[in-house]
Protein backbone atom coordinates (compact mmCIF):
# COMPACT_ATOMS: atom_id res chain seq x y z
CA UNK A 1 0.00 0.00 0.00
CA UNK A 2 1.34 3.36 -0.92
CA UNK A 3 0.43 6.96 -0.25
CA UNK A 4 -0.15 8.89 2.93
CA UNK A 5 -3.35 8.68 4.94
CA UNK A 6 -5.23 11.90 5.51
CA UNK A 7 -5.01 13.80 8.75
CA UNK A 8 -8.26 14.58 10.56
CA UNK A 9 -8.02 18.20 9.47
CA UNK A 10 -7.59 17.27 5.82
CA UNK A 11 -10.50 14.85 6.01
CA UNK A 12 -12.83 17.42 7.55
CA UNK A 13 -12.19 19.81 4.70
CA UNK A 14 -12.84 17.21 1.98
CA UNK A 15 -15.24 14.70 3.55
CA UNK A 16 -18.63 16.45 3.51
CA UNK A 17 -20.44 13.58 5.23
CA UNK A 18 -18.00 13.39 8.13
CA UNK A 19 -17.37 9.69 7.59
CA UNK A 20 -14.33 8.20 9.34
CA UNK A 21 -13.42 4.51 9.14
CA UNK A 22 -11.82 2.82 12.16
CA UNK A 23 -10.30 -0.65 12.01
CA UNK A 24 -8.43 -3.19 14.04
CA UNK A 25 -5.23 -4.53 12.48
CA UNK A 26 -4.61 -8.20 13.33
CA UNK A 27 -7.21 -10.42 11.75
CA UNK A 28 -8.89 -7.46 10.05
CA UNK A 29 -6.24 -5.84 7.88
CA UNK A 30 -3.59 -8.52 8.25
CA UNK A 31 -4.31 -12.21 8.05
CA UNK A 32 -1.67 -13.06 10.64
CA UNK A 33 -1.17 -12.04 14.26
CA UNK A 34 1.71 -9.60 14.01
CA UNK A 35 2.21 -9.44 17.78
CA UNK A 36 2.64 -13.20 17.99
CA UNK A 37 5.11 -13.13 15.11
CA UNK A 38 7.26 -10.52 16.90
CA UNK A 39 6.99 -12.21 20.29
CA UNK A 40 7.75 -15.68 18.92
CA UNK A 41 10.84 -14.31 17.20
CA UNK A 42 12.13 -12.59 20.35
CA UNK A 43 10.89 -14.94 23.09
CA UNK A 44 10.45 -18.24 21.31
CA UNK A 45 7.32 -20.27 20.65
CA UNK A 46 7.80 -22.70 23.53
CA UNK A 47 8.27 -20.05 26.20
CA UNK A 48 5.31 -18.05 24.91
CA UNK A 49 3.13 -21.16 25.02
CA UNK A 50 4.33 -21.96 28.54
CA UNK A 51 3.48 -18.45 29.70
CA UNK A 52 0.11 -18.59 27.92
CA UNK A 53 -0.64 -21.79 29.82
CA UNK A 54 0.14 -20.02 33.11
CA UNK A 55 -2.66 -17.57 32.32
CA UNK A 56 -5.11 -20.40 31.58
CA UNK A 57 -4.09 -22.11 34.84
CA UNK A 58 -4.62 -18.90 36.83
CA UNK A 59 -0.94 -18.62 37.80
CA UNK A 60 -0.46 -15.33 35.94
CA UNK A 61 -2.70 -12.49 34.81
CA UNK A 62 -3.11 -11.65 31.16
CA UNK A 63 -1.76 -8.17 31.87
CA UNK A 64 1.43 -9.57 33.41
CA UNK A 65 1.79 -11.97 30.49
CA UNK A 66 1.60 -9.09 28.01
CA UNK A 67 4.11 -7.08 30.02
CA UNK A 68 6.60 -9.96 30.21
CA UNK A 69 6.29 -10.83 26.53
CA UNK A 70 6.40 -7.32 25.10
CA UNK A 71 9.37 -6.32 27.28
CA UNK A 72 11.34 -8.97 25.39
CA UNK A 73 10.56 -7.49 21.97
CA UNK A 74 13.57 -5.25 21.50
CA UNK A 75 13.72 -5.07 17.72
CA UNK A 76 14.41 -1.78 16.01
CA UNK A 77 12.04 -0.50 13.34
CA UNK A 78 13.97 -2.16 10.50
CA UNK A 79 13.87 -5.50 12.32
CA UNK A 80 10.12 -5.24 12.79
CA UNK A 81 9.59 -4.35 9.13
CA UNK A 82 11.77 -7.26 8.04
CA UNK A 83 9.72 -9.72 10.10
CA UNK A 84 6.33 -8.35 9.14
CA UNK A 85 6.76 -7.37 5.49
CA UNK A 86 5.54 -10.77 4.31
CA UNK A 87 2.48 -11.01 6.55
CA UNK A 88 -0.41 -11.25 4.12
CA UNK A 89 -3.00 -8.48 4.14
CA UNK A 90 -6.69 -9.09 3.57
CA UNK A 91 -7.44 -8.09 -0.03
CA UNK A 92 -10.87 -6.70 0.93
CA UNK A 93 -9.20 -4.51 3.55
CA UNK A 94 -6.83 -3.17 0.90
CA UNK A 95 -9.85 -2.45 -1.31
CA UNK A 96 -11.54 -0.65 1.59
CA UNK A 97 -8.45 1.48 2.20
CA UNK A 98 -8.25 2.36 -1.50
CA UNK A 99 -11.91 3.34 -1.50
CA UNK A 100 -11.37 5.54 1.54
CA UNK A 101 -8.43 7.26 -0.12
CA UNK A 102 -10.36 7.73 -3.35
CA UNK A 103 -13.20 9.46 -1.47
CA UNK A 104 -11.08 11.36 1.05
CA UNK A 105 -12.39 9.30 3.96
CA UNK A 106 -9.96 9.08 6.86
CA UNK A 107 -8.92 5.57 7.86
CA UNK A 108 -7.55 5.03 11.36
CA UNK A 109 -6.17 1.81 12.81
CA UNK A 110 -7.08 1.30 16.46
CA UNK A 111 -5.17 -1.65 17.78
CA UNK A 112 -3.36 -2.77 20.88
C-alpha atoms as a PDB file:
ATOM      1  CA  UNK A   1       0.000   0.000   0.000  1.00  0.00           C
ATOM      2  CA  UNK A   2       1.343   3.360  -0.921  1.00  0.00           C
ATOM      3  CA  UNK A   3       0.434   6.960  -0.251  1.00  0.00           C
ATOM      4  CA  UNK A   4      -0.151   8.890   2.934  1.00  0.00           C
ATOM      5  CA  UNK A   5      -3.349   8.680   4.936  1.00  0.00           C
ATOM      6  CA  UNK A   6      -5.228  11.904   5.509  1.00  0.00           C
ATOM      7  CA  UNK A   7      -5.006  13.798   8.754  1.00  0.00           C
ATOM      8  CA  UNK A   8      -8.261  14.582  10.555  1.00  0.00           C
ATOM      9  CA  UNK A   9      -8.016  18.203   9.468  1.00  0.00           C
ATOM     10  CA  UNK A  10      -7.591  17.269   5.818  1.00  0.00           C
ATOM     11  CA  UNK A  11     -10.500  14.847   6.010  1.00  0.00           C
ATOM     12  CA  UNK A  12     -12.832  17.419   7.546  1.00  0.00           C
ATOM     13  CA  UNK A  13     -12.192  19.808   4.702  1.00  0.00           C
ATOM     14  CA  UNK A  14     -12.836  17.210   1.981  1.00  0.00           C
ATOM     15  CA  UNK A  15     -15.237  14.698   3.553  1.00  0.00           C
ATOM     16  CA  UNK A  16     -18.625  16.453   3.508  1.00  0.00           C
ATOM     17  CA  UNK A  17     -20.442  13.578   5.227  1.00  0.00           C
ATOM     18  CA  UNK A  18     -17.998  13.393   8.126  1.00  0.00           C
ATOM     19  CA  UNK A  19     -17.365   9.687   7.586  1.00  0.00           C
ATOM     20  CA  UNK A  20     -14.332   8.204   9.335  1.00  0.00           C
ATOM     21  CA  UNK A  21     -13.420   4.507   9.144  1.00  0.00           C
ATOM     22  CA  UNK A  22     -11.822   2.823  12.159  1.00  0.00           C
ATOM     23  CA  UNK A  23     -10.303  -0.645  12.009  1.00  0.00           C
ATOM     24  CA  UNK A  24      -8.427  -3.186  14.040  1.00  0.00           C
ATOM     25  CA  UNK A  25      -5.225  -4.528  12.478  1.00  0.00           C
ATOM     26  CA  UNK A  26      -4.605  -8.204  13.331  1.00  0.00           C
ATOM     27  CA  UNK A  27      -7.214 -10.422  11.746  1.00  0.00           C
ATOM     28  CA  UNK A  28      -8.891  -7.461  10.047  1.00  0.00           C
ATOM     29  CA  UNK A  29      -6.245  -5.838   7.876  1.00  0.00           C
ATOM     30  CA  UNK A  30      -3.594  -8.523   8.255  1.00  0.00           C
ATOM     31  CA  UNK A  31      -4.310 -12.214   8.046  1.00  0.00           C
ATOM     32  CA  UNK A  32      -1.674 -13.061  10.641  1.00  0.00           C
ATOM     33  CA  UNK A  33      -1.172 -12.044  14.264  1.00  0.00           C
ATOM     34  CA  UNK A  34       1.712  -9.604  14.007  1.00  0.00           C
ATOM     35  CA  UNK A  35       2.209  -9.438  17.775  1.00  0.00           C
ATOM     36  CA  UNK A  36       2.638 -13.204  17.995  1.00  0.00           C
ATOM     37  CA  UNK A  37       5.114 -13.133  15.114  1.00  0.00           C
ATOM     38  CA  UNK A  38       7.256 -10.525  16.899  1.00  0.00           C
ATOM     39  CA  UNK A  39       6.989 -12.209  20.291  1.00  0.00           C
ATOM     40  CA  UNK A  40       7.750 -15.679  18.925  1.00  0.00           C
ATOM     41  CA  UNK A  41      10.840 -14.306  17.199  1.00  0.00           C
ATOM     42  CA  UNK A  42      12.130 -12.593  20.345  1.00  0.00           C
ATOM     43  CA  UNK A  43      10.886 -14.936  23.093  1.00  0.00           C
ATOM     44  CA  UNK A  44      10.447 -18.242  21.309  1.00  0.00           C
ATOM     45  CA  UNK A  45       7.323 -20.267  20.647  1.00  0.00           C
ATOM     46  CA  UNK A  46       7.799 -22.699  23.526  1.00  0.00           C
ATOM     47  CA  UNK A  47       8.274 -20.046  26.202  1.00  0.00           C
ATOM     48  CA  UNK A  48       5.308 -18.052  24.906  1.00  0.00           C
ATOM     49  CA  UNK A  49       3.126 -21.165  25.015  1.00  0.00           C
ATOM     50  CA  UNK A  50       4.331 -21.963  28.540  1.00  0.00           C
ATOM     51  CA  UNK A  51       3.482 -18.448  29.704  1.00  0.00           C
ATOM     52  CA  UNK A  52       0.111 -18.592  27.919  1.00  0.00           C
ATOM     53  CA  UNK A  53      -0.635 -21.786  29.825  1.00  0.00           C
ATOM     54  CA  UNK A  54       0.140 -20.025  33.110  1.00  0.00           C
ATOM     55  CA  UNK A  55      -2.661 -17.574  32.323  1.00  0.00           C
ATOM     56  CA  UNK A  56      -5.107 -20.398  31.583  1.00  0.00           C
ATOM     57  CA  UNK A  57      -4.095 -22.112  34.842  1.00  0.00           C
ATOM     58  CA  UNK A  58      -4.622 -18.898  36.833  1.00  0.00           C
ATOM     59  CA  UNK A  59      -0.943 -18.616  37.801  1.00  0.00           C
ATOM     60  CA  UNK A  60      -0.457 -15.329  35.940  1.00  0.00           C
ATOM     61  CA  UNK A  61      -2.700 -12.495  34.806  1.00  0.00           C
ATOM     62  CA  UNK A  62      -3.111 -11.647  31.160  1.00  0.00           C
ATOM     63  CA  UNK A  63      -1.764  -8.170  31.873  1.00  0.00           C
ATOM     64  CA  UNK A  64       1.431  -9.568  33.410  1.00  0.00           C
ATOM     65  CA  UNK A  65       1.790 -11.972  30.488  1.00  0.00           C
ATOM     66  CA  UNK A  66       1.598  -9.087  28.010  1.00  0.00           C
ATOM     67  CA  UNK A  67       4.114  -7.084  30.019  1.00  0.00           C
ATOM     68  CA  UNK A  68       6.599  -9.961  30.210  1.00  0.00           C
ATOM     69  CA  UNK A  69       6.295 -10.826  26.530  1.00  0.00           C
ATOM     70  CA  UNK A  70       6.399  -7.315  25.105  1.00  0.00           C
ATOM     71  CA  UNK A  71       9.373  -6.321  27.277  1.00  0.00           C
ATOM     72  CA  UNK A  72      11.344  -8.971  25.385  1.00  0.00           C
ATOM     73  CA  UNK A  73      10.556  -7.489  21.967  1.00  0.00           C
ATOM     74  CA  UNK A  74      13.569  -5.252  21.504  1.00  0.00           C
ATOM     75  CA  UNK A  75      13.715  -5.069  17.724  1.00  0.00           C
ATOM     76  CA  UNK A  76      14.411  -1.777  16.014  1.00  0.00           C
ATOM     77  CA  UNK A  77      12.039  -0.500  13.335  1.00  0.00           C
ATOM     78  CA  UNK A  78      13.972  -2.157  10.503  1.00  0.00           C
ATOM     79  CA  UNK A  79      13.870  -5.496  12.315  1.00  0.00           C
ATOM     80  CA  UNK A  80      10.116  -5.238  12.787  1.00  0.00           C
ATOM     81  CA  UNK A  81       9.594  -4.349   9.131  1.00  0.00           C
ATOM     82  CA  UNK A  82      11.767  -7.260   8.039  1.00  0.00           C
ATOM     83  CA  UNK A  83       9.723  -9.720  10.105  1.00  0.00           C
ATOM     84  CA  UNK A  84       6.329  -8.353   9.141  1.00  0.00           C
ATOM     85  CA  UNK A  85       6.761  -7.368   5.494  1.00  0.00           C
ATOM     86  CA  UNK A  86       5.540 -10.770   4.307  1.00  0.00           C
ATOM     87  CA  UNK A  87       2.480 -11.009   6.549  1.00  0.00           C
ATOM     88  CA  UNK A  88      -0.411 -11.251   4.116  1.00  0.00           C
ATOM     89  CA  UNK A  89      -3.005  -8.483   4.144  1.00  0.00           C
ATOM     90  CA  UNK A  90      -6.689  -9.093   3.566  1.00  0.00           C
ATOM     91  CA  UNK A  91      -7.443  -8.088  -0.030  1.00  0.00           C
ATOM     92  CA  UNK A  92     -10.868  -6.704   0.929  1.00  0.00           C
ATOM     93  CA  UNK A  93      -9.202  -4.507   3.555  1.00  0.00           C
ATOM     94  CA  UNK A  94      -6.827  -3.174   0.898  1.00  0.00           C
ATOM     95  CA  UNK A  95      -9.848  -2.453  -1.311  1.00  0.00           C
ATOM     96  CA  UNK A  96     -11.537  -0.645   1.593  1.00  0.00           C
ATOM     97  CA  UNK A  97      -8.455   1.480   2.204  1.00  0.00           C
ATOM     98  CA  UNK A  98      -8.247   2.360  -1.496  1.00  0.00           C
ATOM     99  CA  UNK A  99     -11.915   3.337  -1.504  1.00  0.00           C
ATOM    100  CA  UNK A 100     -11.368   5.543   1.540  1.00  0.00           C
ATOM    101  CA  UNK A 101      -8.429   7.258  -0.117  1.00  0.00           C
ATOM    102  CA  UNK A 102     -10.364   7.734  -3.347  1.00  0.00           C
ATOM    103  CA  UNK A 103     -13.203   9.464  -1.471  1.00  0.00           C
ATOM    104  CA  UNK A 104     -11.084  11.365   1.050  1.00  0.00           C
ATOM    105  CA  UNK A 105     -12.394   9.299   3.964  1.00  0.00           C
ATOM    106  CA  UNK A 106      -9.957   9.077   6.859  1.00  0.00           C
ATOM    107  CA  UNK A 107      -8.919   5.572   7.855  1.00  0.00           C
ATOM    108  CA  UNK A 108      -7.552   5.030  11.360  1.00  0.00           C
ATOM    109  CA  UNK A 109      -6.167   1.805  12.810  1.00  0.00           C
ATOM    110  CA  UNK A 110      -7.082   1.300  16.457  1.00  0.00           C
ATOM    111  CA  UNK A 111      -5.172  -1.649  17.784  1.00  0.00           C
ATOM    112  CA  UNK A 112      -3.359  -2.770  20.883  1.00  0.00           C
END
